[in-house]
């Protein structure tokens, strides 16, 4: 495997006596040695996301002595993050994730350089952010950023170490068409339709799972940097935590792929259409905000109040008097609702309720609206005693 970066960078990466001691267990491995540790010090890795996957990835890369680690994340630490995002702790709630991340990584290894970018990863800034780095680690949790990081890696010729998690399952691969493998779009040319794939926030994730998957991503990044072993190029590993089974799937490039195929149609970075991975646009659907809902709840006028979240979410918090019908069960349980009665729908943050509204309108519900921002907006703006999750 060819090196990710020029030899002169490796030659310049001298190790101090303290670093020789810190990395002694690496240096004594014949396949790593002093030269390999200098490669790690010379390497520059960009991690997109400082959450569940980004936590173990960056922690293990820092511990391994990767010389420069960049982290892109604009989000703040929330209590619901702490069950899996081990870069952060209780005292970090409300802080920017990158602020707590850099403190954690510096405690692990003050010898490495950590660059943080408190911005949303977009088509406008992706090239500039990634340009100094040798490879990209995808620690994202949404399809917009996942497709963008893939396209960036293909167009710039950088390996993309991919990972994803959901409930008890995770998967890892290395997308690198320039190394002979496929890219993410070869597997999934288009993003799923709204509601087709629930997010981790909606479906949940076992706290330890991102630790396992993120560690596997860090392992692949280190192999690529060292130029050893057999990286997951053209292979995808699926892990089931419940059965503790690993399954390997062989992947092939799609010659008609829009970004890495023989005649690509995507040659410049752009974000996938908003409709492909989000809810219907607000102007297309009637909605009310939490203040208007509060007025309705305090009035005597009756209405049908429908909660389309999953039962596990309802057990965390709920509005009194709601009819609970998870979005996926709505077609089979449509007869439980009265199409002639005024109906208000809500979910966690507004995405699923908007989808439910469109379905109900198609089935004869005319006097209907959904709650903008969902029950989380109620917690933020009306009643902080309602758990925000």
Protein backbone atom coordinates (compact mmCIF):
# COMPACT_ATOMS: atom_id res chain seq x y z
CA UNK A 1 0.00 0.00 0.00
CA UNK A 2 1.41 3.39 -0.96
CA UNK A 3 1.94 6.04 1.70
CA UNK A 4 -0.74 8.64 2.31
CA UNK A 5 1.84 11.42 2.50
CA UNK A 6 5.34 12.21 1.23
CA UNK A 7 8.45 10.64 2.77
CA UNK A 8 9.92 14.01 3.72
CA UNK A 9 7.11 14.51 6.23
CA UNK A 10 7.98 11.18 7.81
CA UNK A 11 11.67 12.04 7.91
CA UNK A 12 10.89 15.30 9.69
CA UNK A 13 8.75 13.62 12.35
CA UNK A 14 11.45 13.09 14.95
CA UNK A 15 10.38 11.54 18.26
CA UNK A 16 11.43 13.03 21.59
CA UNK A 17 12.67 10.82 24.44
CA UNK A 18 9.24 11.21 26.09
CA UNK A 19 7.50 10.11 22.88
CA UNK A 20 9.80 7.11 22.54
CA UNK A 21 8.72 6.05 26.00
CA UNK A 22 5.03 6.83 25.40
CA UNK A 23 4.88 4.79 22.18
CA UNK A 24 7.23 2.00 23.26
CA UNK A 25 4.57 -0.70 22.88
CA UNK A 26 4.04 0.41 19.28
CA UNK A 27 7.71 0.65 18.44
CA UNK A 28 8.39 -2.88 19.63
CA UNK A 29 5.89 -4.27 17.12
CA UNK A 30 7.93 -5.28 14.04
CA UNK A 31 5.19 -4.11 11.63
CA UNK A 32 5.18 -0.65 13.24
CA UNK A 33 8.62 0.09 14.60
CA UNK A 34 10.21 3.51 14.80
CA UNK A 35 9.43 4.28 11.16
CA UNK A 36 5.76 3.46 11.68
CA UNK A 37 5.50 5.64 14.74
CA UNK A 38 7.04 8.50 12.77
CA UNK A 39 4.35 7.92 10.13
CA UNK A 40 1.69 8.27 12.81
CA UNK A 41 3.27 11.50 14.00
CA UNK A 42 3.41 12.81 10.43
CA UNK A 43 -0.24 11.93 9.74
CA UNK A 44 -3.14 14.35 9.67
CA UNK A 45 -6.67 13.00 10.19
CA UNK A 46 -9.95 14.91 9.93
CA UNK A 47 -12.82 13.54 12.00
CA UNK A 48 -16.28 14.81 11.13
CA UNK A 49 -18.26 14.74 14.35
CA UNK A 50 -17.32 14.67 18.04
CA UNK A 51 -20.18 12.43 19.13
CA UNK A 52 -20.64 8.71 19.62
CA UNK A 53 -18.24 7.60 16.89
CA UNK A 54 -15.96 10.62 17.00
CA UNK A 55 -15.27 10.04 20.69
CA UNK A 56 -13.43 6.69 20.48
CA UNK A 57 -11.93 7.56 17.09
CA UNK A 58 -10.23 10.73 18.25
CA UNK A 59 -9.28 9.34 21.66
CA UNK A 60 -7.52 6.31 20.18
CA UNK A 61 -5.88 8.33 17.41
CA UNK A 62 -4.57 10.78 19.97
CA UNK A 63 -3.32 7.96 22.19
CA UNK A 64 -1.65 6.34 19.18
CA UNK A 65 0.30 9.52 18.44
CA UNK A 66 -1.38 10.74 15.25
CA UNK A 67 0.32 14.09 14.88
CA UNK A 68 -2.60 16.28 13.83
CA UNK A 69 -6.28 15.62 14.46
CA UNK A 70 -8.99 17.92 13.14
CA UNK A 71 -12.53 17.79 14.54
CA UNK A 72 -15.56 19.38 12.89
CA UNK A 73 -18.62 19.78 15.13
CA UNK A 74 -20.92 22.72 15.84
CA UNK A 75 -23.15 21.05 18.44
CA UNK A 76 -23.35 21.43 22.21
CA UNK A 77 -23.15 18.63 24.76
CA UNK A 78 -26.57 17.42 25.90
CA UNK A 79 -27.43 15.10 28.79
CA UNK A 80 -28.69 12.51 26.30
CA UNK A 81 -25.19 12.40 24.74
CA UNK A 82 -23.46 11.19 27.89
CA UNK A 83 -24.61 7.58 27.63
CA UNK A 84 -22.24 7.02 24.70
CA UNK A 85 -20.16 10.13 23.85
CA UNK A 86 -17.21 9.50 26.13
CA UNK A 87 -15.27 12.60 25.07
CA UNK A 88 -17.66 14.54 27.30
CA UNK A 89 -18.88 14.30 30.89
CA UNK A 90 -21.63 15.75 33.04
CA UNK A 91 -19.77 19.00 33.66
CA UNK A 92 -19.61 19.62 29.89
CA UNK A 93 -23.38 19.79 29.35
CA UNK A 94 -24.16 23.01 27.52
CA UNK A 95 -20.60 23.49 26.23
CA UNK A 96 -19.52 23.13 22.63
CA UNK A 97 -18.48 19.55 22.01
CA UNK A 98 -15.19 20.61 20.47
CA UNK A 99 -14.28 22.52 23.63
CA UNK A 100 -14.66 19.50 25.88
CA UNK A 101 -13.14 17.27 23.16
CA UNK A 102 -9.88 19.18 22.97
CA UNK A 103 -9.53 19.18 26.76
CA UNK A 104 -10.05 15.41 26.89
CA UNK A 105 -7.61 14.73 24.07
CA UNK A 106 -4.95 16.98 25.58
CA UNK A 107 -5.23 15.06 28.83
CA UNK A 108 -4.74 11.82 26.89
CA UNK A 109 -1.78 13.06 24.87
CA UNK A 110 -0.41 16.61 24.99
CA UNK A 111 2.11 15.67 22.27
CA UNK A 112 -0.49 15.80 19.47
CA UNK A 113 -1.99 18.84 17.75
CA UNK A 114 -5.79 19.07 17.85
CA UNK A 115 -7.56 21.55 15.59
CA UNK A 116 -11.22 22.23 16.20
CA UNK A 117 -13.78 23.72 13.83
CA UNK A 118 -17.06 24.80 15.49
CA UNK A 119 -18.97 24.93 12.21
CA UNK A 120 -21.50 22.89 10.31
CA UNK A 121 -19.81 20.77 7.62
CA UNK A 122 -21.18 22.10 4.33
CA UNK A 123 -20.47 22.04 0.61
CA UNK A 124 -19.09 25.56 0.95
CA UNK A 125 -16.45 24.82 3.58
CA UNK A 126 -15.75 21.08 3.12
CA UNK A 127 -12.80 21.42 0.73
CA UNK A 128 -11.09 24.07 2.82
CA UNK A 129 -11.53 22.05 6.03
CA UNK A 130 -10.25 18.80 4.51
CA UNK A 131 -7.42 20.15 2.37
CA UNK A 132 -4.60 19.86 4.98
CA UNK A 133 -5.58 16.33 6.02
CA UNK A 134 -4.56 12.93 4.67
CA UNK A 135 -7.72 10.99 5.39
CA UNK A 136 -11.28 11.54 6.56
CA UNK A 137 -13.10 9.68 9.32
CA UNK A 138 -16.88 9.85 8.99
CA UNK A 139 -18.39 10.08 12.46
CA UNK A 140 -21.64 11.65 11.29
CA UNK A 141 -25.21 10.74 12.16
CA UNK A 142 -27.15 12.24 9.23
CA UNK A 143 -27.37 11.51 5.54
CA UNK A 144 -26.64 15.04 4.32
CA UNK A 145 -23.18 15.06 5.91
CA UNK A 146 -22.53 11.40 5.12
CA UNK A 147 -23.04 11.91 1.38
CA UNK A 148 -21.07 15.14 1.47
CA UNK A 149 -18.08 13.55 3.24
CA UNK A 150 -18.15 10.68 0.74
CA UNK A 151 -18.19 12.99 -2.29
CA UNK A 152 -15.43 15.13 -0.78
CA UNK A 153 -13.22 12.09 -0.23
CA UNK A 154 -13.76 10.83 -3.78
CA UNK A 155 -13.16 14.21 -5.44
CA UNK A 156 -10.04 14.94 -3.37
CA UNK A 157 -8.65 11.40 -3.49
CA UNK A 158 -8.61 10.86 0.27
CA UNK A 159 -9.67 7.61 2.02
CA UNK A 160 -13.00 7.85 3.85
CA UNK A 161 -13.21 5.64 6.96
CA UNK A 162 -16.94 5.09 7.33
CA UNK A 163 -18.93 3.96 10.35
CA UNK A 164 -22.59 3.94 11.28
CA UNK A 165 -24.61 2.73 14.25
CA UNK A 166 -28.25 2.05 15.08
CA UNK A 167 -29.71 0.37 18.15
CA UNK A 168 -27.62 -2.84 18.44
CA UNK A 169 -26.00 -2.85 15.00
CA UNK A 170 -23.03 -1.11 13.45
CA UNK A 171 -20.99 -1.22 10.28
CA UNK A 172 -17.55 -0.13 9.13
CA UNK A 173 -15.83 0.23 5.76
CA UNK A 174 -13.16 2.22 3.96
CA UNK A 175 -14.45 4.00 0.88
CA UNK A 176 -11.53 4.75 -1.41
CA UNK A 177 -12.10 4.46 -5.17
CA UNK A 178 -8.53 5.66 -5.78
CA UNK A 179 -7.38 2.51 -3.95
CA UNK A 180 -9.59 0.25 -6.04
CA UNK A 181 -12.72 0.10 -3.90
CA UNK A 182 -16.22 1.58 -4.12
CA UNK A 183 -17.59 4.72 -2.50
CA UNK A 184 -20.67 5.15 -0.33
CA UNK A 185 -22.79 6.10 -3.34
CA UNK A 186 -21.94 2.80 -5.03
CA UNK A 187 -23.93 1.13 -2.24
CA UNK A 188 -26.58 3.79 -1.73
CA UNK A 189 -26.93 5.99 -4.84
CA UNK A 190 -29.71 8.01 -3.23
CA UNK A 191 -30.61 8.81 0.38
CA UNK A 192 -33.70 7.19 1.92
CA UNK A 193 -37.05 8.88 1.83
CA UNK A 194 -38.21 10.80 4.93
CA UNK A 195 -39.20 8.41 7.70
CA UNK A 196 -37.77 5.36 5.97
CA UNK A 197 -34.75 5.16 8.30
CA UNK A 198 -35.13 6.52 11.85
CA UNK A 199 -32.25 8.42 13.36
CA UNK A 200 -30.41 7.28 16.50
CA UNK A 201 -32.31 9.97 18.38
CA UNK A 202 -35.59 8.39 17.27
CA UNK A 203 -34.63 4.71 17.35
CA UNK A 204 -31.98 4.72 20.07
CA UNK A 205 -28.51 3.19 20.23
CA UNK A 206 -26.79 0.94 22.76
CA UNK A 207 -24.27 3.14 24.55
CA UNK A 208 -21.30 0.81 24.12
CA UNK A 209 -21.91 0.23 20.39
CA UNK A 210 -20.25 3.43 19.09
CA UNK A 211 -17.25 2.54 21.25
CA UNK A 212 -16.89 -0.74 19.37
CA UNK A 213 -17.54 0.70 15.91
CA UNK A 214 -15.46 3.83 16.52
CA UNK A 215 -12.54 1.70 17.71
CA UNK A 216 -12.77 -0.30 14.48
CA UNK A 217 -12.69 2.96 12.52
CA UNK A 218 -9.60 4.09 14.43
CA UNK A 219 -8.00 0.73 13.66
CA UNK A 220 -8.62 1.18 9.93
CA UNK A 221 -7.26 4.74 10.01
CA UNK A 222 -4.06 3.56 11.73
CA UNK A 223 -3.61 0.72 9.20
CA UNK A 224 -3.97 3.18 6.34
CA UNK A 225 -1.45 5.55 7.90
CA UNK A 226 1.07 2.78 8.53
CA UNK A 227 0.46 1.11 5.17
CA UNK A 228 0.07 -2.32 6.77
CA UNK A 229 -2.49 -5.10 6.83
CA UNK A 230 -5.59 -5.42 4.71
CA UNK A 231 -7.81 -2.34 5.04
CA UNK A 232 -11.56 -2.55 4.56
CA UNK A 233 -11.41 -1.30 0.98
CA UNK A 234 -14.10 -3.13 -0.98
CA UNK A 235 -15.39 -4.77 2.18
CA UNK A 236 -18.01 -3.81 4.75
CA UNK A 237 -18.11 -5.35 8.21
CA UNK A 238 -21.47 -5.57 9.96
CA UNK A 239 -21.58 -6.10 13.73
CA UNK A 240 -24.60 -7.31 15.72
CA UNK A 241 -24.06 -6.62 19.44
CA UNK A 242 -26.98 -8.83 20.52
CA UNK A 243 -25.63 -11.98 18.89
CA UNK A 244 -21.99 -10.84 18.94
CA UNK A 245 -21.58 -11.76 15.29
CA UNK A 246 -19.43 -10.06 12.70
CA UNK A 247 -20.44 -10.45 9.06
CA UNK A 248 -18.27 -9.35 6.13
CA UNK A 249 -19.83 -8.22 2.86
CA UNK A 250 -17.82 -7.83 -0.34
CA UNK A 251 -18.46 -4.53 -2.11
CA UNK A 252 -17.91 -3.64 -5.74
CA UNK A 253 -17.61 -0.34 -7.50
CA UNK A 254 -20.56 0.75 -9.56
CA UNK A 255 -19.27 1.83 -12.96
CA UNK A 256 -22.36 4.02 -13.25
CA UNK A 257 -21.85 5.66 -9.84
CA UNK A 258 -22.62 9.37 -10.01
CA UNK A 259 -19.41 10.38 -8.24
CA UNK A 260 -16.80 7.63 -8.78
CA UNK A 261 -18.11 5.92 -11.91
CA UNK A 262 -16.65 5.96 -15.40
CA UNK A 263 -18.69 9.02 -16.38
CA UNK A 264 -19.41 10.86 -13.12
CA UNK A 265 -22.17 13.44 -13.03
CA UNK A 266 -21.13 14.81 -9.63
CA UNK A 267 -17.85 16.64 -10.04
CA UNK A 268 -18.42 19.50 -7.61
CA UNK A 269 -19.51 19.36 -3.99
CA UNK A 270 -23.15 19.98 -3.26
CA UNK A 271 -25.47 18.84 -0.53
CA UNK A 272 -28.19 16.33 -1.30
CA UNK A 273 -31.65 17.76 -1.82
CA UNK A 274 -33.20 18.77 1.46
CA UNK A 275 -36.37 16.85 0.71
CA UNK A 276 -34.44 13.62 0.41
CA UNK A 277 -33.49 13.54 4.08
CA UNK A 278 -35.86 15.84 5.90
CA UNK A 279 -39.52 16.48 6.48
CA UNK A 280 -41.88 18.23 4.05
CA UNK A 281 -41.28 21.96 3.92
CA UNK A 282 -43.16 24.12 6.44
CA UNK A 283 -45.07 26.03 3.80
CA UNK A 284 -46.59 22.78 2.58
CA UNK A 285 -48.02 21.70 5.93
CA UNK A 286 -50.04 23.50 8.62
CA UNK A 287 -48.30 23.77 11.98
CA UNK A 288 -48.64 25.41 15.37
CA UNK A 289 -45.92 26.40 17.81
CA UNK A 290 -45.74 25.39 21.47
CA UNK A 291 -47.22 28.69 22.67
CA UNK A 292 -50.28 28.19 20.47
CA UNK A 293 -50.54 24.61 21.71
CA UNK A 294 -50.43 25.83 25.32
CA UNK A 295 -53.40 28.09 24.60
CA UNK A 296 -55.29 25.19 23.01
CA UNK A 297 -54.60 22.92 25.97
CA UNK A 298 -55.85 25.60 28.37
CA UNK A 299 -59.04 26.17 26.38
CA UNK A 300 -62.21 24.07 26.50
CA UNK A 301 -62.31 23.39 22.76
CA UNK A 302 -61.83 19.63 22.18
CA UNK A 303 -59.34 18.22 19.69
CA UNK A 304 -57.66 14.95 18.87
CA UNK A 305 -54.05 14.97 20.11
CA UNK A 306 -51.88 12.30 18.46
CA UNK A 307 -48.34 11.28 19.50
CA UNK A 308 -46.49 9.43 16.70
CA UNK A 309 -43.32 8.62 18.68
CA UNK A 310 -42.19 5.14 19.65
CA UNK A 311 -43.41 3.68 22.94
CA UNK A 312 -39.96 3.88 24.52
CA UNK A 313 -39.93 7.63 23.87
CA UNK A 314 -43.40 8.02 25.35
CA UNK A 315 -42.14 6.44 28.57
CA UNK A 316 -39.56 9.24 28.86
CA UNK A 317 -42.15 12.00 28.61
CA UNK A 318 -45.61 12.61 27.17
CA UNK A 319 -48.49 15.05 26.99
CA UNK A 320 -51.53 13.93 29.02
CA UNK A 321 -54.47 12.76 26.95
CA UNK A 322 -52.59 11.93 23.76
CA UNK A 323 -53.41 9.02 21.49
CA UNK A 324 -50.12 7.17 20.99
CA UNK A 325 -49.74 5.65 17.51
CA UNK A 326 -46.11 5.31 16.34
CA UNK A 327 -45.59 6.60 12.81
CA UNK A 328 -44.89 3.13 11.39
CA UNK A 329 -48.18 1.79 12.80
CA UNK A 330 -50.34 4.64 11.52
CA UNK A 331 -51.61 2.92 8.33
CA UNK A 332 -52.80 -0.15 10.26
CA UNK A 333 -54.35 1.86 13.11
CA UNK A 334 -55.97 4.60 11.08
CA UNK A 335 -59.43 3.50 12.24
CA UNK A 336 -58.57 4.57 15.81
CA UNK A 337 -58.73 8.22 14.73
CA UNK A 338 -61.72 10.35 13.74
CA UNK A 339 -61.13 12.17 10.41
CA UNK A 340 -63.94 14.62 11.20
CA UNK A 341 -62.38 15.83 14.44
CA UNK A 342 -59.74 18.56 14.65
CA UNK A 343 -56.38 16.83 14.98
CA UNK A 344 -52.99 17.99 16.30
CA UNK A 345 -50.00 15.69 15.84
CA UNK A 346 -46.65 15.77 17.60
CA UNK A 347 -43.39 13.81 17.84
CA UNK A 348 -39.97 14.52 19.30
CA UNK A 349 -38.88 17.43 17.09
CA UNK A 350 -41.40 17.78 14.24
CA UNK A 351 -40.08 15.50 11.50
CA UNK A 352 -42.25 12.44 12.02
CA UNK A 353 -45.34 14.48 12.87
CA UNK A 354 -45.02 16.31 9.54
CA UNK A 355 -44.87 12.98 7.73
CA UNK A 356 -47.88 11.71 9.68
CA UNK A 357 -49.81 14.86 8.80
CA UNK A 358 -49.22 14.37 5.08
CA UNK A 359 -50.40 10.76 5.35
CA UNK A 360 -53.53 11.70 7.28
CA UNK A 361 -54.39 14.49 4.86
CA UNK A 362 -54.24 11.95 2.04
CA UNK A 363 -56.73 9.87 4.01
CA UNK A 364 -59.41 12.48 4.55
CA UNK A 365 -58.19 14.42 7.61
CA UNK A 366 -58.72 18.07 6.71
CA UNK A 367 -58.74 19.97 10.00
CA UNK A 368 -55.23 19.03 11.01
CA UNK A 369 -51.86 20.52 11.99
CA UNK A 370 -48.65 19.41 13.66
CA UNK A 371 -46.49 20.78 16.47
CA UNK A 372 -43.45 22.69 15.27
CA UNK A 373 -40.36 21.48 17.14
CA UNK A 374 -42.24 18.67 18.87
CA UNK A 375 -42.19 17.88 22.56
CA UNK A 376 -38.54 18.97 22.76
CA UNK A 377 -39.61 22.51 21.85
CA UNK A 378 -42.21 22.31 24.63
CA UNK A 379 -39.45 21.35 27.07
CA UNK A 380 -37.20 24.18 25.88
CA UNK A 381 -39.78 26.98 25.68
CA UNK A 382 -42.65 26.05 28.01
CA UNK A 383 -41.85 23.46 30.66
CA UNK A 384 -38.23 22.56 31.45
CA UNK A 385 -39.48 19.80 33.77
CA UNK A 386 -40.35 17.77 30.68
CA UNK A 387 -37.17 15.75 29.93
CA UNK A 388 -35.28 16.86 26.83
CA UNK A 389 -33.91 13.80 25.06
